[in-house]
């Protein structure tokens, strides 16, 4: 499992919490496991834009 929480971005010299407007999920919030040749891939966003979890 890979997880990151309380993400912040450095914008204009200041650390700023990640939000929907400054860190959109791209290309998608729901990746297709076959795109990564990993059928067991699970991608979760417990807290939009500031917390994500990938389980293989």
N, C-alpha and C. Protein backbone atom coordinates (compact mmCIF):
# COMPACT_ATOMS: atom_id res chain seq x y z
N UNK A 1 0.85 -1.17 0.00
CA UNK A 1 0.00 0.00 0.00
C UNK A 1 0.90 1.24 0.00
N UNK A 2 0.48 2.22 -0.76
CA UNK A 2 1.11 3.54 -0.78
C UNK A 2 0.03 4.52 -0.35
N UNK A 3 0.36 5.40 0.57
CA UNK A 3 -0.63 6.37 1.04
C UNK A 3 0.05 7.71 1.29
N UNK A 4 -0.68 8.75 1.02
CA UNK A 4 -0.22 10.10 1.31
C UNK A 4 -1.38 10.87 1.91
N UNK A 5 -1.09 11.66 2.91
CA UNK A 5 -2.17 12.44 3.54
C UNK A 5 -1.68 13.85 3.84
N UNK A 6 -2.62 14.73 4.03
CA UNK A 6 -2.36 16.14 4.33
C UNK A 6 -1.41 16.77 3.31
N UNK A 7 -1.68 16.49 2.04
CA UNK A 7 -0.85 17.03 0.97
C UNK A 7 -0.89 18.55 0.95
N UNK A 8 0.26 19.14 0.68
CA UNK A 8 0.36 20.59 0.52
C UNK A 8 1.19 20.88 -0.72
N UNK A 9 0.89 21.98 -1.36
CA UNK A 9 1.60 22.44 -2.54
C UNK A 9 2.27 23.76 -2.22
N UNK A 10 3.41 24.00 -2.83
CA UNK A 10 4.08 25.30 -2.64
C UNK A 10 3.61 26.21 -3.77
N UNK A 11 2.81 27.18 -3.42
CA UNK A 11 2.22 28.11 -4.39
C UNK A 11 2.59 29.53 -3.97
N UNK A 12 3.25 30.24 -4.87
CA UNK A 12 3.65 31.62 -4.56
C UNK A 12 4.52 31.73 -3.34
N UNK A 13 5.38 30.72 -3.10
CA UNK A 13 6.29 30.75 -1.97
C UNK A 13 5.66 30.34 -0.65
N UNK A 14 4.39 29.93 -0.67
CA UNK A 14 3.68 29.54 0.56
C UNK A 14 3.22 28.10 0.44
N UNK A 15 3.29 27.33 1.55
CA UNK A 15 2.73 25.99 1.57
C UNK A 15 1.22 26.11 1.74
N UNK A 16 0.48 25.46 0.83
CA UNK A 16 -0.97 25.58 0.79
C UNK A 16 -1.59 24.18 0.75
N UNK A 17 -2.60 23.92 1.58
CA UNK A 17 -3.25 22.61 1.53
C UNK A 17 -3.79 22.33 0.12
N UNK A 18 -3.68 21.08 -0.30
CA UNK A 18 -4.22 20.68 -1.59
C UNK A 18 -5.75 20.75 -1.56
N UNK A 19 -6.32 21.31 -2.61
CA UNK A 19 -7.77 21.42 -2.74
C UNK A 19 -8.18 20.97 -4.14
N UNK A 20 -9.47 20.88 -4.36
CA UNK A 20 -9.98 20.48 -5.67
C UNK A 20 -9.55 21.48 -6.76
N UNK A 21 -9.46 22.75 -6.41
CA UNK A 21 -9.13 23.76 -7.42
C UNK A 21 -7.63 23.82 -7.74
N UNK A 22 -6.74 23.50 -6.78
CA UNK A 22 -5.32 23.61 -7.07
C UNK A 22 -4.63 22.27 -7.33
N UNK A 23 -5.37 21.17 -7.21
CA UNK A 23 -4.76 19.86 -7.45
C UNK A 23 -5.79 18.85 -7.97
N UNK A 24 -6.35 19.10 -9.14
CA UNK A 24 -7.34 18.17 -9.68
C UNK A 24 -6.73 16.80 -9.96
N UNK A 25 -7.52 15.76 -9.77
CA UNK A 25 -7.04 14.40 -10.04
C UNK A 25 -7.03 14.18 -11.54
N UNK A 26 -5.85 13.96 -12.09
CA UNK A 26 -5.72 13.78 -13.54
C UNK A 26 -4.89 12.56 -13.84
N UNK A 27 -5.19 11.76 -14.83
CA UNK A 27 -6.27 11.98 -15.79
C UNK A 27 -7.64 11.61 -15.23
N UNK A 28 -7.69 10.80 -14.15
CA UNK A 28 -8.96 10.42 -13.58
C UNK A 28 -8.78 10.01 -12.12
N UNK A 29 -9.85 10.12 -11.36
CA UNK A 29 -9.81 9.68 -9.97
C UNK A 29 -10.02 8.18 -9.85
N UNK A 30 -10.39 7.54 -10.96
CA UNK A 30 -10.66 6.11 -10.96
C UNK A 30 -9.87 5.41 -12.07
N UNK A 31 -8.56 5.24 -11.87
CA UNK A 31 -7.76 4.62 -12.92
C UNK A 31 -8.18 3.17 -13.18
N UNK A 32 -7.99 2.75 -14.41
CA UNK A 32 -8.31 1.39 -14.81
C UNK A 32 -7.10 0.51 -14.48
N UNK A 33 -7.26 -0.51 -13.63
CA UNK A 33 -6.13 -1.37 -13.27
C UNK A 33 -5.40 -1.96 -14.47
N UNK A 34 -6.11 -2.24 -15.55
CA UNK A 34 -5.45 -2.83 -16.72
C UNK A 34 -4.50 -1.84 -17.40
N UNK A 35 -4.72 -0.54 -17.22
CA UNK A 35 -3.80 0.45 -17.77
C UNK A 35 -2.41 0.34 -17.13
N UNK A 36 -2.35 -0.25 -15.95
CA UNK A 36 -1.11 -0.39 -15.21
C UNK A 36 -0.64 -1.84 -15.15
N UNK A 37 -1.30 -2.70 -15.94
CA UNK A 37 -1.00 -4.15 -15.95
C UNK A 37 -1.02 -4.72 -14.54
N UNK A 38 -2.02 -4.30 -13.78
CA UNK A 38 -2.13 -4.73 -12.37
C UNK A 38 -3.60 -4.89 -12.03
N UNK A 39 -4.10 -6.12 -12.17
CA UNK A 39 -5.53 -6.34 -11.97
C UNK A 39 -5.98 -6.11 -10.53
N UNK A 40 -5.05 -6.15 -9.56
CA UNK A 40 -5.43 -5.98 -8.16
C UNK A 40 -5.36 -4.53 -7.68
N UNK A 41 -4.98 -3.61 -8.57
CA UNK A 41 -4.83 -2.20 -8.19
C UNK A 41 -6.15 -1.61 -7.68
N UNK A 42 -6.07 -0.96 -6.53
CA UNK A 42 -7.22 -0.23 -5.98
C UNK A 42 -6.74 1.17 -5.64
N UNK A 43 -7.51 2.17 -6.07
CA UNK A 43 -7.15 3.56 -5.84
C UNK A 43 -8.27 4.21 -5.05
N UNK A 44 -7.94 4.83 -3.93
CA UNK A 44 -8.95 5.47 -3.08
C UNK A 44 -8.54 6.91 -2.78
N UNK A 45 -9.53 7.74 -2.58
CA UNK A 45 -9.30 9.12 -2.19
C UNK A 45 -10.17 9.37 -0.94
N UNK A 46 -9.65 9.00 0.25
CA UNK A 46 -10.43 9.18 1.48
C UNK A 46 -10.84 10.62 1.75
N UNK A 47 -9.93 11.56 1.46
CA UNK A 47 -10.24 12.99 1.59
C UNK A 47 -9.86 13.65 0.27
N UNK A 48 -10.85 14.14 -0.47
CA UNK A 48 -10.56 14.68 -1.80
C UNK A 48 -9.36 15.63 -1.82
N UNK A 49 -8.43 15.30 -2.69
CA UNK A 49 -7.25 16.10 -3.03
C UNK A 49 -6.19 16.21 -1.95
N UNK A 50 -6.45 15.80 -0.73
CA UNK A 50 -5.40 15.91 0.27
C UNK A 50 -5.01 14.56 0.87
N UNK A 51 -5.65 13.50 0.44
CA UNK A 51 -5.34 12.17 0.96
C UNK A 51 -5.66 11.16 -0.13
N UNK A 52 -4.68 10.31 -0.47
CA UNK A 52 -4.93 9.26 -1.45
C UNK A 52 -4.25 7.98 -0.99
N UNK A 53 -4.76 6.84 -1.49
CA UNK A 53 -4.24 5.53 -1.10
C UNK A 53 -4.29 4.61 -2.32
N UNK A 54 -3.20 3.93 -2.59
CA UNK A 54 -3.13 2.95 -3.66
C UNK A 54 -2.75 1.62 -3.03
N UNK A 55 -3.55 0.59 -3.31
CA UNK A 55 -3.29 -0.75 -2.81
C UNK A 55 -3.08 -1.66 -4.01
N UNK A 56 -2.04 -2.47 -3.94
CA UNK A 56 -1.73 -3.42 -5.03
C UNK A 56 -1.93 -4.81 -4.52
